[in-house]
Amino acid sequence: ISRNGVFLSHIWEVPNFADQEGDDQSSNIFLDNAYNILREDEDGLNALTQPEEILGPENGPEAFIITPNANERDRMR
């Protein structure tokens, strides 16, 4: 969120963080399916954080990350 706009994204738990059985996925799956897309996609978060864009540094952007079922220990990781 910034003075000029909002970027909202949802990253699905399955398959990005866990498989169908609930077992943790490898870091590579998360990187390939979620993080790198947000970072490198021409319409993604990276593009919007460039100067003169809605989340550019001159607009004072701030991030809010909402996770389900997180406890204090999970947030410290």
N, C-alpha and C. Protein backbone atom coordinates (compact mmCIF):
# COMPACT_ATOMS: atom_id res chain seq x y z
N ILE A 1 0.85 -1.17 0.00
CA ILE A 1 0.00 0.00 0.00
C ILE A 1 0.90 1.23 0.00
N SER A 2 0.47 2.27 -0.69
CA SER A 2 1.22 3.52 -0.70
C SER A 2 0.23 4.68 -0.78
N ARG A 3 0.74 5.87 -0.86
CA ARG A 3 -0.12 7.04 -1.01
C ARG A 3 -0.88 7.01 -2.35
N ASN A 4 -0.36 6.26 -3.33
CA ASN A 4 -0.96 6.27 -4.67
C ASN A 4 -1.68 4.99 -5.07
N GLY A 5 -1.57 3.92 -4.30
CA GLY A 5 -2.24 2.71 -4.73
C GLY A 5 -2.00 1.52 -3.83
N VAL A 6 -2.56 0.40 -4.26
CA VAL A 6 -2.50 -0.84 -3.50
C VAL A 6 -2.16 -1.98 -4.46
N PHE A 7 -1.34 -2.90 -3.99
CA PHE A 7 -1.09 -4.16 -4.70
C PHE A 7 -1.53 -5.27 -3.76
N LEU A 8 -2.38 -6.15 -4.25
CA LEU A 8 -2.88 -7.25 -3.45
C LEU A 8 -2.61 -8.54 -4.19
N SER A 9 -2.09 -9.51 -3.46
CA SER A 9 -1.80 -10.80 -4.06
C SER A 9 -2.13 -11.90 -3.08
N HIS A 10 -2.50 -13.03 -3.62
CA HIS A 10 -2.78 -14.21 -2.80
C HIS A 10 -1.89 -15.33 -3.32
N ILE A 11 -1.15 -15.95 -2.44
CA ILE A 11 -0.31 -17.09 -2.80
C ILE A 11 -0.94 -18.32 -2.16
N TRP A 12 -1.40 -19.25 -2.98
CA TRP A 12 -2.08 -20.45 -2.49
C TRP A 12 -1.13 -21.33 -1.69
N GLU A 13 -1.64 -21.86 -0.59
CA GLU A 13 -0.82 -22.75 0.23
C GLU A 13 -0.44 -24.01 -0.54
N VAL A 14 -1.43 -24.63 -1.21
CA VAL A 14 -1.16 -25.79 -2.07
C VAL A 14 -1.22 -25.29 -3.50
N PRO A 15 -0.20 -25.40 -4.25
CA PRO A 15 1.00 -26.21 -4.14
C PRO A 15 2.25 -25.45 -3.72
N ASN A 16 2.15 -24.18 -3.38
CA ASN A 16 3.36 -23.37 -3.17
C ASN A 16 4.07 -23.62 -1.85
N PHE A 17 3.33 -23.84 -0.78
CA PHE A 17 3.95 -24.08 0.53
C PHE A 17 3.86 -25.55 0.96
N ALA A 18 2.80 -26.22 0.53
CA ALA A 18 2.58 -27.62 0.92
C ALA A 18 1.99 -28.38 -0.26
N ASP A 19 2.18 -29.70 -0.22
CA ASP A 19 1.57 -30.52 -1.26
C ASP A 19 0.16 -30.93 -0.81
N GLN A 20 -0.52 -31.74 -1.61
CA GLN A 20 -1.90 -32.14 -1.32
C GLN A 20 -2.04 -32.87 0.02
N GLU A 21 -0.97 -33.52 0.47
CA GLU A 21 -1.01 -34.24 1.75
C GLU A 21 -0.67 -33.34 2.93
N GLY A 22 -0.31 -32.09 2.67
CA GLY A 22 0.03 -31.16 3.73
C GLY A 22 1.50 -31.13 4.09
N ASP A 23 2.32 -31.88 3.35
CA ASP A 23 3.77 -31.86 3.61
C ASP A 23 4.39 -30.63 2.99
N ASP A 24 5.38 -30.08 3.67
CA ASP A 24 6.06 -28.89 3.17
C ASP A 24 6.65 -29.14 1.79
N GLN A 25 6.56 -28.13 0.94
CA GLN A 25 7.18 -28.18 -0.38
C GLN A 25 8.63 -27.73 -0.27
N SER A 26 9.41 -28.04 -1.28
CA SER A 26 10.78 -27.56 -1.31
C SER A 26 10.80 -26.06 -1.57
N SER A 27 11.86 -25.42 -1.18
CA SER A 27 12.01 -23.98 -1.41
C SER A 27 11.94 -23.65 -2.88
N ASN A 28 12.44 -24.54 -3.73
CA ASN A 28 12.45 -24.28 -5.17
C ASN A 28 11.04 -24.16 -5.73
N ILE A 29 10.11 -24.94 -5.24
CA ILE A 29 8.73 -24.85 -5.72
C ILE A 29 8.15 -23.50 -5.35
N PHE A 30 8.35 -23.06 -4.11
CA PHE A 30 7.87 -21.73 -3.72
C PHE A 30 8.53 -20.64 -4.55
N LEU A 31 9.84 -20.73 -4.74
CA LEU A 31 10.54 -19.72 -5.52
C LEU A 31 10.02 -19.67 -6.95
N ASP A 32 9.86 -20.82 -7.57
CA ASP A 32 9.41 -20.87 -8.97
C ASP A 32 7.96 -20.45 -9.15
N ASN A 33 7.08 -20.87 -8.26
CA ASN A 33 5.64 -20.66 -8.45
C ASN A 33 5.09 -19.39 -7.82
N ALA A 34 5.81 -18.79 -6.91
CA ALA A 34 5.26 -17.63 -6.21
C ALA A 34 6.24 -16.45 -6.20
N TYR A 35 7.32 -16.60 -5.51
CA TYR A 35 8.25 -15.48 -5.30
C TYR A 35 8.78 -14.91 -6.60
N ASN A 36 9.30 -15.75 -7.46
CA ASN A 36 9.89 -15.24 -8.71
C ASN A 36 8.86 -14.60 -9.62
N ILE A 37 7.63 -15.11 -9.59
CA ILE A 37 6.58 -14.49 -10.40
C ILE A 37 6.27 -13.09 -9.88
N LEU A 38 6.14 -12.94 -8.58
CA LEU A 38 5.90 -11.61 -8.02
C LEU A 38 7.05 -10.66 -8.33
N ARG A 39 8.24 -11.18 -8.24
CA ARG A 39 9.43 -10.35 -8.39
C ARG A 39 9.75 -10.02 -9.84
N GLU A 40 9.56 -10.97 -10.76
CA GLU A 40 10.07 -10.80 -12.11
C GLU A 40 9.01 -10.55 -13.18
N ASP A 41 7.76 -10.84 -12.89
CA ASP A 41 6.71 -10.66 -13.90
C ASP A 41 6.61 -9.19 -14.28
N GLU A 42 6.47 -8.93 -15.56
CA GLU A 42 6.46 -7.54 -16.03
C GLU A 42 5.28 -6.74 -15.48
N ASP A 43 4.21 -7.42 -15.07
CA ASP A 43 3.06 -6.75 -14.47
C ASP A 43 3.00 -6.95 -12.96
N GLY A 44 4.01 -7.56 -12.39
CA GLY A 44 3.99 -7.91 -10.98
C GLY A 44 4.49 -6.82 -10.07
N LEU A 45 4.76 -7.22 -8.86
CA LEU A 45 5.16 -6.30 -7.81
C LEU A 45 6.43 -5.53 -8.16
N ASN A 46 7.39 -6.18 -8.76
CA ASN A 46 8.64 -5.51 -9.11
C ASN A 46 8.39 -4.30 -10.02
N ALA A 47 7.53 -4.46 -11.01
CA ALA A 47 7.24 -3.36 -11.93
C ALA A 47 6.59 -2.19 -11.19
N LEU A 48 5.74 -2.49 -10.22
CA LEU A 48 5.02 -1.43 -9.51
C LEU A 48 5.86 -0.71 -8.47
N THR A 49 7.03 -1.25 -8.13
CA THR A 49 7.88 -0.61 -7.12
C THR A 49 8.96 0.26 -7.74
N GLN A 50 8.95 0.40 -9.05
CA GLN A 50 9.92 1.26 -9.71
C GLN A 50 9.56 2.73 -9.49
N PRO A 51 10.54 3.64 -9.56
CA PRO A 51 10.24 5.06 -9.42
C PRO A 51 9.12 5.50 -10.37
N GLU A 52 8.27 6.36 -9.89
CA GLU A 52 7.13 6.92 -10.62
C GLU A 52 5.96 5.95 -10.76
N GLU A 53 6.06 4.74 -10.22
CA GLU A 53 4.94 3.80 -10.23
C GLU A 53 4.18 3.91 -8.90
N ILE A 54 3.03 3.24 -8.79
CA ILE A 54 2.18 3.45 -7.61
C ILE A 54 2.84 3.04 -6.30
N LEU A 55 3.78 2.09 -6.35
CA LEU A 55 4.48 1.68 -5.14
C LEU A 55 5.94 2.10 -5.16
N GLY A 56 6.25 3.09 -5.98
CA GLY A 56 7.62 3.60 -6.05
C GLY A 56 8.04 4.21 -4.72
N PRO A 57 9.34 4.30 -4.48
CA PRO A 57 9.84 4.78 -3.18
C PRO A 57 9.34 6.17 -2.80
N GLU A 58 9.08 7.00 -3.77
CA GLU A 58 8.60 8.35 -3.48
C GLU A 58 7.18 8.36 -2.92
N ASN A 59 6.48 7.25 -3.00
CA ASN A 59 5.10 7.15 -2.51
C ASN A 59 4.98 6.50 -1.15
N GLY A 60 6.12 6.23 -0.50
CA GLY A 60 6.11 5.69 0.87
C GLY A 60 5.43 4.34 1.00
N PRO A 61 5.80 3.36 0.19
CA PRO A 61 5.11 2.07 0.27
C PRO A 61 5.36 1.33 1.58
N GLU A 62 4.36 0.59 2.03
CA GLU A 62 4.46 -0.27 3.20
C GLU A 62 3.84 -1.61 2.85
N ALA A 63 4.35 -2.67 3.45
CA ALA A 63 3.84 -4.02 3.17
C ALA A 63 3.13 -4.58 4.39
N PHE A 64 2.03 -5.26 4.14
CA PHE A 64 1.28 -5.97 5.17
C PHE A 64 1.19 -7.42 4.70
N ILE A 65 1.73 -8.33 5.47
CA ILE A 65 1.70 -9.74 5.11
C ILE A 65 0.79 -10.46 6.11
N ILE A 66 -0.23 -11.09 5.59
CA ILE A 66 -1.21 -11.77 6.42
C ILE A 66 -1.07 -13.27 6.19
N THR A 67 -0.87 -14.01 7.26
CA THR A 67 -0.72 -15.46 7.15
C THR A 67 -1.72 -16.14 8.07
N PRO A 68 -2.28 -17.26 7.64
CA PRO A 68 -3.22 -17.97 8.51
C PRO A 68 -2.47 -18.81 9.53
N ASN A 69 -3.07 -18.97 10.68
CA ASN A 69 -2.58 -19.90 11.70
C ASN A 69 -1.14 -19.65 12.14
N ALA A 70 -0.66 -18.45 12.06
CA ALA A 70 0.70 -18.17 12.50
C ALA A 70 0.72 -17.91 14.00
N ASN A 71 1.75 -18.44 14.65
CA ASN A 71 1.94 -18.14 16.05
C ASN A 71 3.22 -17.30 16.18
N GLU A 72 3.54 -16.88 17.37
CA GLU A 72 4.71 -16.00 17.58
C GLU A 72 6.00 -16.66 17.06
N ARG A 73 6.19 -17.94 17.31
CA ARG A 73 7.40 -18.63 16.85
C ARG A 73 7.48 -18.64 15.32
N ASP A 74 6.35 -18.88 14.65
CA ASP A 74 6.34 -18.88 13.19
C ASP A 74 6.69 -17.50 12.62
N ARG A 75 6.23 -16.46 13.27
CA ARG A 75 6.52 -15.11 12.78
C ARG A 75 7.97 -14.74 12.94
N MET A 76 8.68 -15.39 13.85
CA MET A 76 10.09 -15.06 14.08
C MET A 76 11.02 -15.78 13.11
N ARG A 77 10.49 -16.70 12.30
CA ARG A 77 11.34 -17.42 11.34
C ARG A 77 11.76 -16.54 10.21
